[in-house]
Amino acid sequence: MRKLLPIAFLLTLRLLPASAQSEWKLRTEKDGIKIYSRQMSDSKVKAIKVETVLNATAAQVVAVVMDVNASTEWVYHVKQSAVVKQVSPGELYYYAEVSLPWPAANRDFVAHLTVSQNPDTKVVTIDGPAVPGLVPVKKGIVRIENSIGKWVLTPISHDQTKIEYTIHVDPVGALPSWLVNMFATEAPLQIFKNMRQQLQKPVYRNSLVAVVQ
């Protein structure tokens, strides 16, 4: 994934009870993509929420997100990504390394992706918390273990889906503020622009996913 974890941006975030969170504040809106942030009570790094509408079905979006081996094609700064364990069509573990500019060390993580769908509303949720222990820590790369990412996909027509993506990452160690800001603003915009293009590829255009109706 050259992309965001469910990443580094991608694909990782930690959600806290509503009582421990401030209100979401709109940071930027561009090309139909809204990016919000809010302060977390136990972290100096803000949580990020992205909202947009994609011209795709929920099944197509799930197909792109779960195709982690191809995530370098669209996920911001993802250097490499690969399935560690495929449990079922709607559940897998994957490893990803996120490339950071010098002088910061690259980060990596193992995430557990699970897909579920509300049978009544047809809303699809993809959870992606980071998990420890499945891949040995690599020399020179900082391992992220405290993060969770979540996608909420709400069908609004037969070929349009509202996306709400929330993420909060403990990047481990101090990072310069310009780098944190880059991943809080530039990364979400680029990820969802790239995702729009990824969804147009023939392999995803007519995707059917067993866990999504």
Protein backbone atom coordinates (compact mmCIF):
# COMPACT_ATOMS: atom_id res chain seq x y z
CA MET A 1 0.00 0.00 0.00
CA ARG A 2 1.44 3.20 -1.04
CA LYS A 3 -1.42 4.67 0.69
CA LEU A 4 -3.25 4.84 5.26
CA LEU A 5 -4.60 1.15 8.03
CA PRO A 6 -6.55 0.85 7.74
CA ILE A 7 -3.17 2.70 7.60
CA ALA A 8 -0.73 4.34 8.98
CA PHE A 9 -2.97 6.56 8.59
CA LEU A 10 -4.43 3.76 7.30
CA LEU A 11 -5.58 1.60 8.81
CA THR A 12 -5.18 2.13 12.57
CA LEU A 13 -7.01 4.08 15.30
CA ARG A 14 -8.02 3.98 18.90
CA LEU A 15 -11.61 4.82 19.79
CA LEU A 16 -12.47 6.03 23.26
CA PRO A 17 -15.84 6.40 25.01
CA ALA A 18 -17.75 9.49 23.93
CA SER A 19 -17.33 11.01 27.39
CA ALA A 20 -13.54 11.04 26.87
CA GLN A 21 -13.69 12.80 23.54
CA SER A 22 -14.17 16.39 22.44
CA GLU A 23 -16.45 17.36 19.56
CA TRP A 24 -15.39 16.75 15.97
CA LYS A 25 -14.14 19.94 14.29
CA LEU A 26 -14.02 20.40 10.53
CA ARG A 27 -10.40 20.89 9.43
CA THR A 28 -10.81 21.02 5.68
CA GLU A 29 -13.22 20.24 2.86
CA LYS A 30 -12.01 19.61 -0.68
CA ASP A 31 -13.22 17.64 -3.69
CA GLY A 32 -16.24 16.38 -1.75
CA ILE A 33 -14.07 15.07 1.08
CA LYS A 34 -14.58 16.42 4.60
CA ILE A 35 -11.85 15.92 7.21
CA TYR A 36 -12.55 16.37 10.91
CA SER A 37 -10.37 16.10 14.00
CA ARG A 38 -10.90 15.97 17.71
CA GLN A 39 -8.74 15.94 20.79
CA MET A 40 -8.46 12.69 22.73
CA SER A 41 -8.26 12.87 26.51
CA ASP A 42 -5.20 10.62 26.82
CA SER A 43 -3.25 11.47 23.66
CA LYS A 44 -1.43 14.43 22.13
CA VAL A 45 -2.35 13.12 18.68
CA LYS A 46 -5.83 13.98 17.49
CA ALA A 47 -8.30 11.48 16.08
CA ILE A 48 -9.30 11.96 12.45
CA LYS A 49 -12.65 11.41 10.73
CA VAL A 50 -13.21 11.48 6.99
CA GLU A 51 -16.61 11.73 5.33
CA THR A 52 -17.31 11.45 1.61
CA VAL A 53 -19.59 9.79 -0.94
CA LEU A 54 -18.15 7.32 -3.44
CA ASN A 55 -19.72 6.25 -6.71
CA ALA A 56 -19.53 2.59 -5.79
CA THR A 57 -21.43 -0.09 -3.94
CA ALA A 58 -20.53 -1.07 -0.40
CA ALA A 59 -19.33 -4.42 -1.77
CA GLN A 60 -16.92 -2.66 -4.12
CA VAL A 61 -15.51 -0.55 -1.28
CA VAL A 62 -15.10 -3.65 0.89
CA ALA A 63 -13.32 -5.41 -1.96
CA VAL A 64 -10.78 -2.59 -2.23
CA VAL A 65 -10.16 -2.32 1.52
CA MET A 66 -9.80 -6.08 1.97
CA ASP A 67 -7.44 -6.43 -0.99
CA VAL A 68 -4.53 -5.46 1.24
CA ASN A 69 -1.91 -6.86 -1.13
CA ALA A 70 -2.84 -4.04 -3.53
CA SER A 71 -2.98 -1.29 -0.95
CA THR A 72 0.40 0.14 -2.00
CA GLU A 73 -1.45 1.28 -5.11
CA TRP A 74 -3.64 3.74 -3.23
CA VAL A 75 -2.88 4.02 0.50
CA TYR A 76 -0.76 7.01 1.42
CA HIS A 77 2.91 6.23 2.17
CA VAL A 78 2.36 2.49 2.57
CA LYS A 79 5.64 0.93 1.47
CA GLN A 80 4.56 -2.71 1.68
CA SER A 81 1.50 -4.67 2.73
CA ALA A 82 0.63 -8.35 2.76
CA VAL A 83 -1.90 -10.77 4.21
CA VAL A 84 -0.59 -12.58 7.26
CA LYS A 85 -3.62 -14.80 7.78
CA GLN A 86 -6.87 -15.07 5.82
CA VAL A 87 -9.53 -16.31 8.24
CA SER A 88 -12.55 -15.96 5.94
CA PRO A 89 -13.77 -13.69 3.11
CA GLY A 90 -14.67 -11.11 5.77
CA GLU A 91 -11.78 -11.50 8.19
CA LEU A 92 -8.01 -11.30 7.82
CA TYR A 93 -4.79 -10.18 9.47
CA TYR A 94 -2.30 -8.14 7.48
CA TYR A 95 1.11 -6.53 7.88
CA ALA A 96 1.96 -3.06 6.57
CA GLU A 97 4.99 -0.81 6.66
CA VAL A 98 4.48 2.95 6.41
CA SER A 99 7.25 5.05 4.91
CA LEU A 100 8.01 8.28 6.80
CA PRO A 101 10.33 11.07 5.63
CA TRP A 102 13.72 11.49 7.25
CA PRO A 103 14.60 11.82 10.08
CA ALA A 104 11.62 9.77 11.32
CA ALA A 105 11.89 5.98 11.28
CA ASN A 106 9.33 3.99 9.31
CA ARG A 107 6.41 2.55 11.26
CA ASP A 108 4.78 -0.84 10.79
CA PHE A 109 1.82 -2.70 12.25
CA VAL A 110 -0.28 -5.81 12.02
CA ALA A 111 -4.01 -5.12 11.75
CA HIS A 112 -7.04 -7.37 12.16
CA LEU A 113 -9.74 -6.52 9.61
CA THR A 114 -13.29 -7.76 10.14
CA VAL A 115 -16.35 -6.98 8.00
CA SER A 116 -19.92 -7.01 9.33
CA GLN A 117 -23.25 -5.85 7.94
CA ASN A 118 -26.47 -4.81 9.62
CA PRO A 119 -29.12 -7.07 8.01
CA ASP A 120 -31.80 -4.39 8.30
CA THR A 121 -30.03 -1.16 7.32
CA LYS A 122 -27.38 -2.86 5.11
CA VAL A 123 -24.77 -0.58 6.70
CA VAL A 124 -21.34 -2.23 6.54
CA THR A 125 -18.66 -1.80 9.20
CA ILE A 126 -15.00 -2.68 8.76
CA ASP A 127 -12.98 -2.69 11.98
CA GLY A 128 -9.19 -2.65 11.84
CA PRO A 129 -7.41 -2.58 15.21
CA ALA A 130 -3.69 -3.14 15.40
CA VAL A 131 -2.73 -6.41 17.10
CA PRO A 132 0.59 -7.54 18.61
CA GLY A 133 2.64 -10.66 18.21
CA LEU A 134 1.91 -12.06 14.75
CA VAL A 135 4.98 -10.63 13.00
CA PRO A 136 8.40 -10.21 14.67
CA VAL A 137 9.52 -6.63 15.29
CA LYS A 138 11.97 -5.53 12.58
CA LYS A 139 15.21 -3.69 13.21
CA GLY A 140 15.04 -0.01 12.34
CA ILE A 141 11.23 0.04 12.09
CA VAL A 142 9.01 1.24 14.94
CA ARG A 143 6.09 -1.09 15.67
CA ILE A 144 2.64 0.46 16.21
CA GLU A 145 0.53 -1.62 18.57
CA ASN A 146 -2.03 0.83 19.94
CA SER A 147 -4.38 1.86 17.16
CA ILE A 148 -7.75 1.06 15.62
CA GLY A 149 -9.42 2.15 12.39
CA LYS A 150 -13.06 1.91 11.43
CA TRP A 151 -14.96 2.23 8.16
CA VAL A 152 -18.74 2.74 8.18
CA LEU A 153 -20.28 2.28 4.72
CA THR A 154 -23.87 3.46 4.28
CA PRO A 155 -25.60 2.73 0.94
CA ILE A 156 -27.46 5.79 -0.33
CA SER A 157 -28.41 4.38 -3.74
CA HIS A 158 -27.69 1.24 -5.72
CA ASP A 159 -24.32 2.65 -6.88
CA GLN A 160 -23.41 5.26 -4.26
CA THR A 161 -22.07 4.79 -0.74
CA LYS A 162 -21.49 7.26 2.06
CA ILE A 163 -18.16 6.65 3.77
CA GLU A 164 -17.24 7.53 7.34
CA TYR A 165 -13.68 6.60 8.22
CA THR A 166 -12.30 7.25 11.72
CA ILE A 167 -8.76 6.70 12.90
CA HIS A 168 -6.54 7.41 15.85
CA VAL A 169 -2.96 6.21 15.96
CA ASP A 170 -0.35 6.19 18.68
CA PRO A 171 2.69 6.69 16.41
CA VAL A 172 5.11 5.68 19.19
CA GLY A 173 7.81 8.23 19.98
CA ALA A 174 8.04 11.92 19.20
CA LEU A 175 7.35 13.11 15.67
CA PRO A 176 7.75 16.67 14.34
CA SER A 177 4.51 18.64 14.23
CA TRP A 178 4.78 19.18 10.46
CA LEU A 179 4.80 15.42 9.95
CA VAL A 180 1.82 14.86 12.23
CA ASN A 181 -0.09 17.60 10.39
CA MET A 182 0.79 16.06 7.03
CA PHE A 183 -0.77 12.77 8.00
CA ALA A 184 -3.78 14.53 9.51
CA THR A 185 -4.67 16.55 6.38
CA GLU A 186 -2.78 15.56 3.26
CA ALA A 187 -3.00 11.81 3.89
CA PRO A 188 -6.81 11.52 4.17
CA LEU A 189 -7.37 13.63 1.06
CA GLN A 190 -4.89 11.64 -0.99
CA ILE A 191 -6.17 8.28 0.23
CA PHE A 192 -9.76 8.96 -0.79
CA LYS A 193 -8.78 10.52 -4.11
CA ASN A 194 -6.70 7.42 -4.80
CA MET A 195 -9.55 5.17 -3.69
CA ARG A 196 -11.88 6.73 -6.23
CA GLN A 197 -9.42 5.77 -8.96
CA GLN A 198 -8.86 2.31 -7.49
CA LEU A 199 -12.58 1.60 -7.57
CA GLN A 200 -12.60 2.17 -11.33
CA LYS A 201 -10.29 -0.75 -12.00
CA PRO A 202 -12.01 -3.72 -13.68
CA VAL A 203 -11.08 -6.10 -10.87
CA TYR A 204 -13.32 -4.14 -8.46
CA ARG A 205 -16.00 -2.82 -10.80
CA ASN A 206 -18.31 -5.83 -10.45
CA SER A 207 -17.10 -7.08 -7.10
CA LEU A 208 -19.25 -9.38 -5.02
CA VAL A 209 -18.31 -10.02 -1.41
CA ALA A 210 -19.76 -13.00 0.41
CA VAL A 211 -20.35 -11.08 3.64
CA VAL A 212 -22.03 -8.08 1.97
CA GLN A 213 -25.50 -8.17 0.42
